Amino acid sequence: MKLLHISDIHFGIKFLNKNQMTRKILIEESYETFDKALKFILDNDIKGLLIAGDLFDGEYRSLRAEKYLIQAFETLKHYGVKVFYCLGNHDSNTTFKNGFLRQLPSNVIIFNDENPSSYLLEDTIYIHSCGHQKKSESRNLVMDFPQYIENYYNVGLLHCSIVSTVTEEGNYLPTRLEDLQGKGYDYWALGHIHKRERVANNIYYSGSLYGLSSKETGNKGALLIDFKNNERIVKFVDLSTVNYETAVIDFEKELIENQYDLLKFIGKKIEPFDKKIMLKLILKGQTKIYNFLTQGISLNELREEVKRDDYIIDVSFDLEGLKRTINYEDYIREDNILGYMQKYLEDEDIRGKLIQKYNLDSIDDKFIKEIMNMMVGETNED
């Protein structure tokens, strides 16, 4: 029997740090991603959809989102698919006061109580779960979950944070790894952590269904759990239609002389991507086009040129590690310290004495240039 484990969909998220056009695209893509999940379920004979909390981003739930989900769950009902949904901190019991939960079709089993309950799916799998009662849930409710029920597969469904003896406190239904393992379940379907992670052999975070910020890079989706012949197989299913991706460009390692070279290099960086992306470019190192990159108008022009690629929805820049190219010759004068040092170090006799005194291999023009540029760089940062 197959189950699909998803979490942290956050319907209703507004992406307020994006411009209006980008926000609209990202919201549309969230629905397309959920559509892909539904299609995968129907195409692969999956019997149960596990939603490990934060289906919604908060108390606000748009009419479109509610209508969409009711229709989606009705479709799953038509094909005999059960939906198991436990409430998380973003969609806790306190946020559901207008009856949305009561409008869902009968194939949707809501775990919204603080007391864990169990549901038997097709006389094969027990689903054990409970829900957040409020946004801040500091109780370890896992302790009240039932022990393993013999002769069945046992699955725990929970929106929680795993704490250790070092970090005992938590506000998102904290539990310890040993508490989860102590129940003996075949699989724990967890939510809350947006990064996909196999915590232990039987404990998994599916991660967010699609990227929600630039910190959530790479492919996102669901985990497919296949129970058969007393075995459990877990596979990642890529469902996201938009990825957040980060590309680092170090000007000190790449031959980039001007903005046109930079555009070509960015093009090579994004070639491997096979879906729409929100791109973050980290630019660092010394570069001749420092002034171009640090001027708002020029940077916006660069952003628009990169966005001409059909795959690129938006581009952000991190310029914190960017440095102006240093050339001591722009600062040297006959009557300043740089001029005196250059004259001093160009004297062959003086070079020879320094090499002998400090046991150097050599003092060539490259060595002198590096020393002089280091001096200019230090004074230029003041």
Protein backbone atom coordinates (compact mmCIF):
# COMPACT_ATOMS: atom_id res chain seq x y z
CA MET A 1 0.00 0.00 0.00
CA LYS A 2 1.28 3.46 -0.92
CA LEU A 3 1.05 6.75 0.96
CA LEU A 4 2.25 10.22 -0.03
CA HIS A 5 3.76 12.42 2.67
CA ILE A 6 3.69 16.23 2.25
CA SER A 7 3.86 19.18 4.63
CA ASP A 8 4.26 22.94 4.96
CA ILE A 9 2.27 24.00 1.92
CA HIS A 10 1.44 27.39 3.47
CA PHE A 11 -1.46 28.30 1.20
CA GLY A 12 -2.12 32.00 1.66
CA ILE A 13 1.50 33.07 1.98
CA LYS A 14 1.74 36.54 0.44
CA PHE A 15 5.45 36.69 -0.55
CA LEU A 16 5.41 40.33 0.56
CA ASN A 17 9.14 40.81 -0.04
CA LYS A 18 8.58 40.30 -3.78
CA ASN A 19 7.17 42.70 -6.35
CA GLN A 20 3.54 42.36 -7.38
CA MET A 21 4.20 40.43 -10.59
CA THR A 22 6.53 37.94 -8.87
CA ARG A 23 4.05 37.44 -6.02
CA LYS A 24 1.32 36.58 -8.51
CA ILE A 25 3.54 34.05 -10.30
CA LEU A 26 4.61 32.34 -7.07
CA ILE A 27 1.03 32.07 -5.83
CA GLU A 28 -0.08 30.51 -9.11
CA GLU A 29 2.81 28.06 -9.00
CA SER A 30 1.75 26.90 -5.52
CA TYR A 31 -1.54 25.70 -6.99
CA GLU A 32 0.23 24.07 -9.94
CA THR A 33 2.50 22.19 -7.56
CA PHE A 34 -0.48 20.88 -5.59
CA ASP A 35 -2.08 19.87 -8.91
CA LYS A 36 1.05 17.82 -9.66
CA ALA A 37 0.74 16.12 -6.28
CA LEU A 38 -2.88 15.20 -7.01
CA LYS A 39 -1.98 13.82 -10.45
CA PHE A 40 0.86 11.77 -8.97
CA ILE A 41 -1.52 10.29 -6.40
CA LEU A 42 -4.05 9.25 -9.01
CA ASP A 43 -1.45 7.95 -11.47
CA ASN A 44 0.31 5.76 -8.88
CA ASP A 45 -2.53 4.06 -7.02
CA ILE A 46 -1.81 5.88 -3.75
CA LYS A 47 -4.34 5.17 -1.02
CA GLY A 48 -3.59 7.93 1.44
CA LEU A 49 -2.31 11.52 1.44
CA LEU A 50 -0.52 12.53 4.65
CA ILE A 51 -0.44 16.30 5.32
CA ALA A 52 1.89 16.97 8.26
CA GLY A 53 0.63 20.43 9.17
CA ASP A 54 0.79 24.04 7.95
CA LEU A 55 -1.51 23.47 5.00
CA PHE A 56 -2.30 27.17 5.41
CA ASP A 57 0.08 29.98 6.25
CA GLY A 58 -2.14 31.54 8.89
CA GLU A 59 -5.61 32.52 9.97
CA TYR A 60 -6.28 34.21 6.64
CA ARG A 61 -7.50 31.68 4.10
CA SER A 62 -8.60 33.04 0.76
CA LEU A 63 -11.89 31.90 -0.72
CA ARG A 64 -9.92 30.60 -3.70
CA ALA A 65 -7.68 28.42 -1.50
CA GLU A 66 -10.58 26.96 0.47
CA LYS A 67 -12.63 26.27 -2.67
CA TYR A 68 -9.62 24.75 -4.42
CA LEU A 69 -8.83 22.36 -1.57
CA ILE A 70 -12.44 21.26 -1.10
CA GLN A 71 -12.62 20.42 -4.82
CA ALA A 72 -9.21 18.69 -4.72
CA PHE A 73 -10.23 16.53 -1.78
CA GLU A 74 -13.55 15.75 -3.48
CA THR A 75 -11.57 14.48 -6.48
CA LEU A 76 -9.49 12.24 -4.22
CA LYS A 77 -12.69 11.00 -2.58
CA HIS A 78 -14.08 10.04 -5.98
CA TYR A 79 -11.04 7.82 -6.55
CA GLY A 80 -11.10 6.30 -3.08
CA VAL A 81 -8.13 8.20 -1.63
CA LYS A 82 -8.12 9.16 2.05
CA VAL A 83 -6.56 12.42 3.26
CA PHE A 84 -4.99 12.55 6.73
CA TYR A 85 -4.38 16.11 7.90
CA CYS A 86 -2.91 17.15 11.24
CA LEU A 87 -2.86 20.81 12.24
CA GLY A 88 0.44 22.65 12.66
CA ASN A 89 1.42 25.89 14.33
CA HIS A 90 0.40 28.05 11.34
CA ASP A 91 -3.01 26.39 10.99
CA SER A 92 -3.67 25.46 14.60
CA ASN A 93 -7.12 25.02 16.09
CA THR A 94 -7.24 28.70 17.06
CA THR A 95 -7.12 29.76 13.40
CA PHE A 96 -10.09 27.61 12.32
CA LYS A 97 -13.16 29.33 13.71
CA ASN A 98 -15.42 29.79 10.73
CA GLY A 99 -16.22 26.18 9.93
CA PHE A 100 -13.79 25.41 7.08
CA LEU A 101 -12.86 22.09 8.66
CA ARG A 102 -16.53 21.12 8.79
CA GLN A 103 -16.89 21.75 5.05
CA LEU A 104 -14.33 19.16 4.00
CA PRO A 105 -15.53 15.93 2.36
CA SER A 106 -15.81 12.73 4.38
CA ASN A 107 -12.55 11.22 3.05
CA VAL A 108 -10.58 13.90 4.92
CA ILE A 109 -9.62 12.83 8.43
CA ILE A 110 -8.65 15.85 10.54
CA PHE A 111 -6.39 15.42 13.54
CA ASN A 112 -7.09 18.65 15.38
CA ASP A 113 -7.36 17.41 18.95
CA GLU A 114 -4.58 17.49 21.55
CA ASN A 115 -5.29 13.87 22.43
CA PRO A 116 -3.77 11.51 19.85
CA SER A 117 -6.21 9.35 17.92
CA SER A 118 -5.82 6.51 15.42
CA TYR A 119 -7.41 5.64 12.09
CA LEU A 120 -7.24 2.24 10.40
CA LEU A 121 -6.74 2.50 6.64
CA GLU A 122 -8.02 -0.45 4.60
CA ASP A 123 -7.41 -2.85 7.47
CA THR A 124 -3.66 -2.51 6.87
CA ILE A 125 -2.19 0.71 8.26
CA TYR A 126 -2.89 2.57 11.49
CA ILE A 127 -2.40 6.34 11.23
CA HIS A 128 -1.74 7.94 14.65
CA SER A 129 -1.83 11.71 15.03
CA CYS A 130 -2.85 14.86 16.92
CA GLY A 131 -2.92 18.59 16.16
CA HIS A 132 -1.60 21.89 17.45
CA GLN A 133 -4.10 23.63 19.69
CA LYS A 134 -2.45 27.05 19.31
CA LYS A 135 0.44 28.68 17.51
CA SER A 136 2.78 28.05 20.41
CA GLU A 137 2.59 24.43 21.59
CA SER A 138 5.25 23.64 24.18
CA ARG A 139 3.90 20.25 25.28
CA ASN A 140 5.46 16.97 24.18
CA LEU A 141 2.24 15.25 23.07
CA VAL A 142 4.15 12.32 21.57
CA MET A 143 4.29 10.78 25.02
CA ASP A 144 0.53 10.15 24.77
CA PHE A 145 0.68 8.38 21.40
CA PRO A 146 -0.24 4.68 21.46
CA GLN A 147 2.44 2.03 21.30
CA TYR A 148 2.86 -0.08 18.17
CA ILE A 149 -0.26 -2.06 17.27
CA GLU A 150 0.78 -5.56 16.30
CA ASN A 151 -0.09 -7.14 12.93
CA TYR A 152 -0.50 -3.72 11.25
CA TYR A 153 1.76 -1.10 9.78
CA ASN A 154 1.91 1.90 12.12
CA VAL A 155 2.42 5.47 10.89
CA GLY A 156 2.78 8.56 13.06
CA LEU A 157 1.72 11.90 11.55
CA LEU A 158 2.88 15.03 13.35
CA HIS A 159 3.92 18.66 12.99
CA CYS A 160 6.74 18.98 15.50
CA SER A 161 10.30 19.99 16.32
CA ILE A 162 12.85 17.47 17.54
CA VAL A 163 14.81 18.77 20.50
CA SER A 164 17.81 17.40 22.38
CA THR A 165 19.10 17.51 25.92
CA VAL A 166 20.95 20.67 24.89
CA THR A 167 17.82 22.43 23.59
CA GLU A 168 15.02 21.11 25.75
CA GLU A 169 12.64 24.03 25.23
CA GLY A 170 10.51 24.49 22.14
CA ASN A 171 7.26 26.11 21.02
CA TYR A 172 6.32 23.77 18.18
CA LEU A 173 5.29 20.56 19.86
CA PRO A 174 8.82 19.63 20.93
CA THR A 175 9.74 15.98 21.18
CA ARG A 176 12.91 13.96 21.46
CA LEU A 177 14.21 11.47 18.93
CA GLU A 178 14.07 8.70 21.50
CA ASP A 179 10.38 9.49 22.15
CA LEU A 180 9.54 8.96 18.49
CA GLN A 181 11.66 5.82 18.19
CA GLY A 182 10.21 4.48 21.41
CA LYS A 183 6.78 4.08 19.83
CA GLY A 184 8.17 1.49 17.41
CA TYR A 185 6.26 2.86 14.40
CA ASP A 186 7.13 1.84 10.87
CA TYR A 187 7.16 5.46 9.70
CA TRP A 188 6.92 8.94 11.19
CA ALA A 189 5.62 11.55 8.71
CA LEU A 190 6.79 14.86 10.15
CA GLY A 191 6.27 18.51 9.25
CA HIS A 192 7.55 21.91 10.39
CA ILE A 193 11.15 21.69 9.16
CA HIS A 194 11.13 22.96 5.57
CA LYS A 195 14.21 21.00 4.57
CA ARG A 196 13.70 17.38 3.52
CA GLU A 197 15.49 15.15 5.99
CA ARG A 198 15.78 11.53 6.99
CA VAL A 199 16.18 11.89 10.75
CA ALA A 200 16.37 8.13 11.35
CA ASN A 201 15.51 4.94 9.51
CA ASN A 202 11.80 5.40 10.17
CA ILE A 203 11.56 9.17 10.82
CA TYR A 204 11.29 11.68 7.95
CA TYR A 205 10.62 15.34 7.34
CA SER A 206 9.22 15.75 3.82
CA GLY A 207 10.20 19.44 3.76
CA SER A 208 8.07 22.16 2.21
CA LEU A 209 6.10 21.18 -0.89
CA TYR A 210 7.74 24.02 -2.82
CA GLY A 211 10.36 26.63 -1.96
CA LEU A 212 9.00 29.49 0.14
CA SER A 213 12.14 31.65 0.33
CA SER A 214 15.66 31.95 -1.03
CA LYS A 215 16.86 29.79 1.88
CA GLU A 216 14.86 26.82 0.55
CA THR A 217 16.89 25.93 -2.51
CA GLY A 218 16.71 22.94 -4.83
CA ASN A 219 13.99 20.47 -5.71
CA LYS A 220 11.01 20.20 -3.38
CA GLY A 221 8.08 17.82 -3.25
CA ALA A 222 6.85 14.78 -1.38
CA LEU A 223 7.93 11.43 0.02
CA LEU A 224 6.35 8.27 -1.37
CA ILE A 225 6.01 5.47 1.18
CA ASP A 226 5.38 2.00 -0.18
CA PHE A 227 4.48 -0.74 2.30
CA LYS A 228 4.66 -4.25 0.86
CA ASN A 229 5.91 -7.68 1.88
CA ASN A 230 6.67 -6.44 5.41
CA GLU A 231 9.01 -3.82 3.98
CA ARG A 232 8.88 -0.05 3.72
CA ILE A 233 10.38 1.81 0.75
CA VAL A 234 10.69 5.62 0.86
CA LYS A 235 11.36 7.67 -2.28
CA PHE A 236 11.50 11.41 -2.94
CA VAL A 237 9.08 12.76 -5.57
CA ASP A 238 10.03 16.06 -7.21
CA LEU A 239 6.84 18.10 -7.53
CA SER A 240 7.84 21.77 -7.37
CA THR A 241 7.36 23.84 -10.52
CA VAL A 242 9.58 26.67 -9.28
CA ASN A 243 12.93 26.32 -7.50
CA TYR A 244 14.94 28.81 -5.52
CA GLU A 245 18.53 28.52 -6.68
CA THR A 246 21.76 30.24 -5.63
CA ALA A 247 24.77 30.77 -7.86
CA VAL A 248 28.12 32.08 -6.60
CA ILE A 249 30.37 34.09 -8.91
CA ASP A 250 33.88 34.79 -7.62
CA PHE A 251 35.49 37.44 -9.81
CA GLU A 252 38.93 36.46 -8.56
CA LYS A 253 38.51 32.94 -9.96
CA GLU A 254 36.74 33.72 -13.24
CA LEU A 255 37.84 35.78 -16.23
CA ILE A 256 35.12 38.44 -16.23
CA GLU A 257 36.33 41.76 -17.63
CA ASN A 258 33.02 43.56 -18.13
CA GLN A 259 29.25 43.32 -17.74
CA TYR A 260 28.88 41.44 -21.01
CA ASP A 261 31.28 38.73 -19.81
CA LEU A 262 29.20 38.59 -16.62
CA LEU A 263 25.96 38.05 -18.56
CA LYS A 264 27.56 35.19 -20.51
CA PHE A 265 28.83 33.61 -17.30
CA ILE A 266 25.42 33.86 -15.63
CA GLY A 267 23.91 32.20 -18.70
CA LYS A 268 26.25 29.22 -18.23
CA LYS A 269 25.34 29.05 -14.53
CA ILE A 270 21.62 28.72 -15.24
CA GLU A 271 21.91 26.27 -18.17
CA PRO A 272 21.49 23.14 -15.97
CA PHE A 273 18.16 24.31 -14.51
CA ASP A 274 15.17 22.57 -16.08
CA LYS A 275 12.34 24.47 -14.39
CA LYS A 276 11.40 28.02 -13.48
CA ILE A 277 13.69 29.50 -10.88
CA MET A 278 13.99 32.33 -8.40
CA LEU A 279 17.68 33.12 -8.75
CA LYS A 280 19.98 34.56 -6.11
CA LEU A 281 23.40 35.65 -7.36
CA ILE A 282 26.19 35.95 -4.81
CA LEU A 283 28.88 38.17 -6.34
CA LYS A 284 32.19 38.38 -4.51
CA GLY A 285 35.84 39.22 -4.94
CA GLN A 286 37.68 42.09 -6.62
CA THR A 287 36.24 43.19 -9.94
CA LYS A 288 36.77 45.91 -12.50
CA ILE A 289 33.00 46.38 -12.78
CA TYR A 290 32.54 47.19 -9.09
CA ASN A 291 31.10 50.63 -9.85
CA PHE A 292 28.65 49.17 -12.38
CA LEU A 293 27.39 46.56 -9.93
CA THR A 294 26.99 48.96 -7.02
CA GLN A 295 24.90 51.49 -8.91
CA GLY A 296 21.19 50.86 -8.51
CA ILE A 297 20.24 51.71 -12.09
CA SER A 298 22.92 49.46 -13.58
CA LEU A 299 22.05 46.59 -11.26
CA ASN A 300 18.37 46.84 -12.23
CA GLU A 301 19.37 46.74 -15.91
CA LEU A 302 21.42 43.60 -15.23
CA ARG A 303 18.46 42.04 -13.40
CA GLU A 304 16.13 42.71 -16.34
CA GLU A 305 18.61 41.24 -18.84
CA VAL A 306 18.97 38.04 -16.80
CA LYS A 307 15.18 37.79 -16.52
CA ARG A 308 14.91 37.67 -20.32
CA ASP A 309 15.62 33.97 -19.98
CA ASP A 310 12.22 32.25 -19.93
CA TYR A 311 13.20 30.16 -16.89
CA ILE A 312 14.05 33.12 -14.66
CA ILE A 313 11.15 34.58 -12.66
CA ASP A 314 13.21 37.03 -10.60
CA VAL A 315 16.81 37.77 -9.61
CA SER A 316 18.26 39.03 -6.34
CA PHE A 317 21.86 40.00 -5.66
CA ASP A 318 24.17 39.58 -2.68
CA LEU A 319 27.05 42.04 -3.08
CA GLU A 320 28.41 41.86 0.46
CA GLY A 321 31.63 40.13 -0.62
CA LEU A 322 32.23 42.40 -3.62
CA LYS A 323 35.42 44.48 -3.66
CA ARG A 324 36.79 47.20 -5.85
CA THR A 325 39.80 46.18 -7.96
CA ILE A 326 42.87 47.63 -6.33
CA ASN A 327 45.72 49.05 -8.43
CA TYR A 328 48.46 50.75 -6.43
CA GLU A 329 49.60 52.63 -9.55
CA ASP A 330 46.48 54.78 -9.26
CA TYR A 331 47.72 56.02 -5.88
CA ILE A 332 51.50 56.17 -6.30
CA ARG A 333 53.35 59.51 -6.20
CA GLU A 334 57.06 60.32 -6.07
CA ASP A 335 56.65 62.06 -2.75
CA ASN A 336 54.45 59.48 -0.94
CA ILE A 337 55.29 56.23 0.80
CA LEU A 338 54.23 54.14 -2.20
CA GLY A 339 56.61 55.99 -4.49
CA TYR A 340 59.45 55.62 -2.02
CA MET A 341 58.81 51.87 -1.60
CA GLN A 342 58.64 51.26 -5.33
CA LYS A 343 61.96 53.04 -5.89
CA TYR A 344 63.46 51.18 -2.96
CA LEU A 345 62.33 47.72 -4.05
CA GLU A 346 63.35 48.20 -7.69
CA ASP A 347 66.98 48.47 -6.62
CA GLU A 348 68.64 45.11 -7.37
CA ASP A 349 71.17 45.42 -4.54
CA ILE A 350 68.41 46.07 -2.02
CA ARG A 351 66.38 43.15 -3.37
CA GLY A 352 69.38 40.88 -2.97
CA LYS A 353 69.92 41.95 0.62
CA LEU A 354 66.25 41.39 1.49
CA ILE A 355 66.26 37.93 -0.13
CA GLN A 356 69.35 36.96 1.85
CA LYS A 357 68.19 38.48 5.15
CA TYR A 358 64.68 36.97 5.11
CA ASN A 359 65.57 33.73 3.29
CA LEU A 360 63.20 34.50 0.40
CA ASP A 361 63.15 32.61 -2.88
CA SER A 362 62.92 35.82 -4.86
CA ILE A 363 61.47 39.32 -5.01
CA ASP A 364 60.00 39.86 -8.43
CA ASP A 365 57.62 42.43 -9.86
CA LYS A 366 54.58 40.28 -9.02
CA PHE A 367 55.62 40.11 -5.37
CA ILE A 368 56.07 43.88 -5.24
CA LYS A 369 52.68 44.47 -6.85
CA GLU A 370 50.92 42.26 -4.29
CA ILE A 371 52.60 44.05 -1.37
CA MET A 372 51.76 47.48 -2.77
CA ASN A 373 48.16 46.54 -3.52
CA MET A 374 47.74 45.20 0.01
CA MET A 375 48.78 48.58 1.34
CA VAL A 376 46.39 50.43 -0.93
CA GLY A 377 43.59 48.01 -0.09
CA GLU A 378 43.97 48.61 3.63
CA THR A 379 43.90 52.39 3.27
CA ASN A 380 41.06 52.27 0.73
CA GLU A 381 38.67 50.52 3.15
CA ASP A 382 38.86 53.29 5.77
